[in-house]
N, C-alpha and C. Protein backbone atom coordinates (compact mmCIF):
# COMPACT_ATOMS: atom_id res chain seq x y z
N MET A 1 0.81 -1.25 -0.02
CA MET A 1 -0.06 -0.17 -0.09
C MET A 1 0.71 1.24 -0.15
N ILE A 2 0.34 2.26 -0.47
CA ILE A 2 1.24 3.56 -0.67
C ILE A 2 -0.13 4.51 -0.55
N ARG A 3 0.43 5.68 0.00
CA ARG A 3 -0.49 6.84 0.07
C ARG A 3 0.29 8.12 0.34
N ARG A 4 -0.49 9.15 -0.14
CA ARG A 4 0.33 10.41 0.17
C ARG A 4 -0.52 11.08 1.38
N VAL A 5 0.32 11.81 2.26
CA VAL A 5 -0.56 12.65 3.12
C VAL A 5 0.46 13.97 3.44
N ALA A 6 -0.20 14.69 3.03
CA ALA A 6 0.71 16.25 2.83
C ALA A 6 1.76 15.74 2.16
N ASP A 7 3.07 16.19 2.76
CA ASP A 7 4.16 16.28 1.95
C ASP A 7 4.95 14.78 2.17
N ARG A 8 4.14 13.92 2.90
CA ARG A 8 4.71 12.47 2.96
C ARG A 8 4.25 11.35 2.02
N ILE A 9 4.97 10.33 1.61
CA ILE A 9 4.14 9.33 0.85
C ILE A 9 4.51 8.12 1.68
N GLU A 10 3.65 7.48 2.04
CA GLU A 10 3.67 6.63 3.09
C GLU A 10 3.62 5.04 2.85
N LEU A 11 4.69 4.22 2.72
CA LEU A 11 4.47 3.19 2.44
C LEU A 11 4.21 1.95 3.33
N GLN A 12 3.45 1.10 3.25
CA GLN A 12 2.94 -0.02 4.07
C GLN A 12 3.24 -1.82 3.56
N GLY A 13 3.78 -2.66 4.43
CA GLY A 13 3.72 -3.72 3.89
C GLY A 13 5.21 -3.80 3.37
N PRO A 14 5.17 -5.26 2.52
CA PRO A 14 6.65 -5.60 2.03
C PRO A 14 6.94 -4.67 0.88
N VAL A 15 8.35 -4.37 0.53
CA VAL A 15 8.81 -3.77 -0.58
C VAL A 15 9.72 -4.63 -1.23
N THR A 16 9.50 -5.34 -2.20
CA THR A 16 10.30 -6.40 -2.65
C THR A 16 10.03 -6.67 -4.03
N LEU A 17 10.70 -7.73 -4.84
CA LEU A 17 10.72 -8.04 -5.94
C LEU A 17 9.23 -8.29 -6.67
N ASP A 18 8.39 -8.45 -5.76
CA ASP A 18 7.07 -9.19 -5.99
C ASP A 18 6.43 -8.02 -5.96
N THR A 19 6.49 -6.66 -5.04
CA THR A 19 5.46 -5.47 -5.13
C THR A 19 6.22 -4.26 -5.63
N ALA A 20 7.31 -4.40 -6.05
CA ALA A 20 8.11 -3.13 -6.57
C ALA A 20 7.38 -2.52 -7.88
N PRO A 21 6.91 -3.32 -8.75
CA PRO A 21 6.56 -2.90 -10.09
C PRO A 21 5.37 -2.38 -9.96
N GLU A 22 4.15 -2.83 -8.97
CA GLU A 22 2.98 -2.18 -8.67
C GLU A 22 3.23 -1.11 -8.08
N LEU A 23 4.26 -0.75 -7.08
CA LEU A 23 4.68 0.53 -6.22
C LEU A 23 5.04 1.77 -7.19
N VAL A 24 6.00 1.13 -8.21
CA VAL A 24 6.54 2.26 -9.29
C VAL A 24 5.18 2.78 -10.08
N THR A 25 4.38 1.94 -10.45
CA THR A 25 3.14 2.55 -11.04
C THR A 25 2.23 3.13 -10.19
N MET A 26 1.97 2.90 -8.98
CA MET A 26 1.20 3.77 -8.08
C MET A 26 1.83 5.05 -7.43
N GLY A 27 3.06 4.96 -7.27
CA GLY A 27 4.01 5.95 -6.86
C GLY A 27 3.93 7.21 -7.63
N GLU A 28 4.04 6.87 -9.22
CA GLU A 28 4.43 8.11 -10.14
C GLU A 28 3.52 9.09 -9.69
N PRO A 29 2.10 8.89 -9.69
CA PRO A 29 1.08 10.02 -9.52
C PRO A 29 1.35 10.82 -8.40
N LEU A 30 2.05 10.16 -7.50
CA LEU A 30 2.08 10.65 -6.15
C LEU A 30 3.46 11.60 -6.10
N ILE A 31 4.36 11.05 -6.89
CA ILE A 31 5.49 11.94 -7.20
C ILE A 31 5.45 13.07 -7.75
N ARG A 32 4.43 13.10 -8.72
CA ARG A 32 4.01 14.14 -9.66
C ARG A 32 3.66 15.28 -9.06
N GLN A 33 2.88 15.11 -7.89
CA GLN A 33 2.37 16.09 -7.05
C GLN A 33 3.25 16.78 -6.24
N GLY A 34 4.65 16.96 -6.55
CA GLY A 34 5.74 17.65 -5.56
C GLY A 34 6.37 17.12 -4.86
N SER A 35 7.22 17.79 -4.27
CA SER A 35 8.51 17.49 -3.22
C SER A 35 7.86 16.34 -2.11
N ALA A 36 8.44 15.53 -1.71
CA ALA A 36 7.89 14.66 -0.84
C ALA A 36 9.22 14.10 0.23
N VAL A 37 8.73 13.24 1.34
CA VAL A 37 9.32 12.57 1.88
C VAL A 37 8.92 11.15 1.80
N ILE A 38 9.44 10.30 1.30
CA ILE A 38 9.03 8.88 1.06
C ILE A 38 9.46 7.95 2.67
N ASP A 39 8.12 7.63 3.38
CA ASP A 39 8.48 6.98 4.79
C ASP A 39 8.30 5.62 4.73
N PHE A 40 9.46 5.08 5.23
CA PHE A 40 9.24 3.51 5.19
C PHE A 40 8.79 2.85 6.65
N ALA A 41 8.53 3.82 7.76
CA ALA A 41 8.28 3.17 8.79
C ALA A 41 7.19 2.11 9.11
N ASN A 42 6.43 1.59 7.89
CA ASN A 42 5.56 0.79 8.24
C ASN A 42 5.61 0.07 7.14
N VAL A 43 7.28 -0.37 6.50
CA VAL A 43 7.33 -1.53 5.50
C VAL A 43 7.82 -2.50 6.68
N SER A 44 7.19 -3.77 6.16
CA SER A 44 7.66 -5.13 6.66
C SER A 44 8.66 -5.73 6.33
N GLU A 45 8.98 -5.51 4.89
CA GLU A 45 9.99 -6.49 4.29
C GLU A 45 10.77 -5.81 3.29
N VAL A 46 12.00 -5.76 3.06
CA VAL A 46 12.48 -5.16 1.88
C VAL A 46 13.79 -6.05 0.95
N ASP A 47 14.16 -5.95 -0.08
CA ASP A 47 14.98 -6.77 -0.76
C ASP A 47 15.65 -5.81 -1.82
N SER A 48 16.59 -6.19 -2.51
CA SER A 48 17.23 -5.06 -3.20
C SER A 48 16.17 -4.19 -4.43
N ALA A 49 15.11 -4.61 -4.52
CA ALA A 49 14.13 -3.88 -5.25
C ALA A 49 13.56 -2.67 -4.45
N ALA A 50 14.02 -2.69 -3.41
CA ALA A 50 13.59 -1.55 -2.55
C ALA A 50 14.59 -0.32 -2.70
N VAL A 51 15.73 -0.66 -3.03
CA VAL A 51 16.91 0.29 -3.46
C VAL A 51 16.64 0.50 -4.70
N ALA A 52 16.32 -0.40 -5.66
CA ALA A 52 16.06 0.11 -7.04
C ALA A 52 14.73 0.96 -6.97
N LEU A 53 13.78 0.73 -6.45
CA LEU A 53 12.38 1.47 -6.31
C LEU A 53 12.95 2.95 -5.95
N ALA A 54 13.55 3.20 -4.86
CA ALA A 54 14.13 4.39 -4.24
C ALA A 54 14.69 5.32 -5.40
N LEU A 55 15.84 4.56 -6.04
CA LEU A 55 16.30 5.09 -7.13
C LEU A 55 15.61 5.63 -8.23
N GLU A 56 14.38 4.88 -8.62
CA GLU A 56 13.72 5.14 -9.74
C GLU A 56 12.76 6.47 -9.31
N TRP A 57 12.26 6.39 -7.89
CA TRP A 57 11.32 7.47 -7.74
C TRP A 57 12.44 8.67 -7.49
N LEU A 58 13.65 8.54 -7.01
CA LEU A 58 14.45 9.82 -7.24
C LEU A 58 14.66 10.27 -8.60
N ARG A 59 14.76 9.39 -9.49
CA ARG A 59 15.07 9.75 -10.94
C ARG A 59 13.73 10.43 -11.56
N GLN A 60 12.55 9.94 -11.01
CA GLN A 60 11.18 10.62 -11.57
C GLN A 60 11.30 12.06 -11.01
N SER A 61 11.46 12.05 -9.72
CA SER A 61 11.40 13.32 -9.00
C SER A 61 12.17 14.61 -9.42
N GLU A 62 13.69 14.14 -9.73
CA GLU A 62 14.23 15.12 -10.15
C GLU A 62 14.03 15.66 -11.70
N SER A 63 13.58 14.59 -12.68
CA SER A 63 13.16 14.98 -13.91
C SER A 63 11.99 15.89 -13.84
N LEU A 64 11.19 16.15 -12.58
CA LEU A 64 10.23 16.85 -12.74
C LEU A 64 10.42 18.14 -11.84
N GLY A 65 11.70 18.55 -11.34
CA GLY A 65 12.18 19.59 -10.70
C GLY A 65 11.92 19.74 -9.15
N ASN A 66 11.53 18.27 -8.87
CA ASN A 66 11.12 18.24 -7.23
C ASN A 66 12.12 17.50 -6.41
N SER A 67 12.23 17.69 -5.19
CA SER A 67 12.99 16.94 -4.36
C SER A 67 12.28 15.94 -3.86
N LEU A 68 13.14 14.86 -3.11
CA LEU A 68 12.64 13.60 -2.79
C LEU A 68 13.43 13.16 -1.51
N THR A 69 13.05 12.94 -0.41
CA THR A 69 13.96 12.40 0.82
C THR A 69 13.38 11.29 1.27
N PHE A 70 14.02 10.43 2.07
CA PHE A 70 13.46 9.25 2.74
C PHE A 70 13.77 9.30 4.21
N ALA A 71 12.74 8.68 4.90
CA ALA A 71 12.62 8.47 6.40
C ALA A 71 12.39 7.05 6.57
N ASN A 72 12.75 7.02 8.08
CA ASN A 72 12.93 5.51 8.53
C ASN A 72 13.06 4.54 7.55
N LEU A 73 14.32 4.27 6.84
CA LEU A 73 14.60 3.14 6.11
C LEU A 73 15.30 2.15 7.00
N PRO A 74 14.69 0.79 6.46
CA PRO A 74 14.93 -0.32 7.19
C PRO A 74 16.70 -0.53 7.27
N ASP A 75 17.39 -1.08 8.49
CA ASP A 75 18.53 -1.11 8.47
C ASP A 75 19.07 -1.94 7.36
N SER A 76 18.20 -3.13 6.98
CA SER A 76 18.75 -3.90 5.61
C SER A 76 18.76 -3.11 4.31
N MET A 77 17.79 -2.61 4.33
CA MET A 77 17.78 -1.42 2.83
C MET A 77 18.98 -0.65 2.97
N LYS A 78 19.56 0.25 4.00
CA LYS A 78 20.62 1.02 4.20
C LYS A 78 21.84 0.16 3.88
N ASN A 79 21.89 -1.25 4.48
CA ASN A 79 23.01 -2.09 4.26
C ASN A 79 23.02 -2.44 2.83
N LEU A 80 21.97 -2.82 1.91
CA LEU A 80 22.07 -2.91 0.47
C LEU A 80 22.58 -1.68 -0.08
N ALA A 81 22.23 -0.77 0.10
CA ALA A 81 22.27 0.55 -0.38
C ALA A 81 23.73 0.78 -0.29
N ALA A 82 24.32 0.69 1.00
CA ALA A 82 26.01 0.67 0.95
C ALA A 82 26.51 -0.30 0.01
N LEU A 83 26.18 -1.62 0.26
CA LEU A 83 26.82 -2.83 -0.59
C LEU A 83 26.80 -2.08 -2.14
N TYR A 84 25.77 -1.49 -2.75
CA TYR A 84 25.80 -1.48 -4.04
C TYR A 84 26.21 0.08 -4.37
N GLY A 85 26.71 0.64 -3.22
CA GLY A 85 27.37 2.07 -3.43
C GLY A 85 26.64 2.94 -3.83
N VAL A 86 25.29 3.24 -3.42
CA VAL A 86 24.36 4.13 -3.66
C VAL A 86 23.71 4.64 -2.36
N ALA A 87 24.40 4.37 -1.33
CA ALA A 87 23.76 4.68 -0.16
C ALA A 87 23.63 6.22 -0.03
N GLY A 88 24.72 7.20 -0.38
CA GLY A 88 24.50 8.61 -0.59
C GLY A 88 23.30 9.26 -1.22
N PHE A 89 22.73 8.41 -2.39
CA PHE A 89 21.47 8.83 -2.79
C PHE A 89 20.10 8.73 -2.13
N ILE A 90 20.14 7.68 -1.16
CA ILE A 90 19.09 7.35 -0.45
C ILE A 90 19.15 7.79 1.10
N SER A 91 20.20 8.51 1.27
CA SER A 91 20.14 8.60 2.81
C SER A 91 19.17 9.31 3.32
N PRO A 92 18.52 8.76 4.65
CA PRO A 92 17.54 9.09 5.28
C PRO A 92 17.52 10.40 5.83
N THR A 93 16.28 11.27 5.84
CA THR A 93 16.29 12.42 6.58
C THR A 93 16.45 11.77 8.12
N SER A 94 16.35 13.04 8.95
CA SER A 94 16.40 12.72 10.38
C SER A 94 14.83 12.58 10.87
N SER A 95 13.95 12.45 9.88
CA SER A 95 12.38 12.26 10.48
C SER A 95 12.38 10.97 10.91
């Protein structure tokens, strides 16, 4: 599940290879609404697809001239981002 609440885009449930394609599609109109913080607080599971999804949303946001940041990234996602050398792109906000 994904929804926008003010300037936050909240994710809930797993963000994995199985769910990422649908999240890309569902997230695109939310990204188009403007700058946002993507909140992973209610994400139950991640794999490498979560890192790819975050990078795709960053690409979409930047192409629109918007900013996008991340909050409450799971430790496993931070570790994967570091392993792939992209941690600097998806560093979480302090929220």
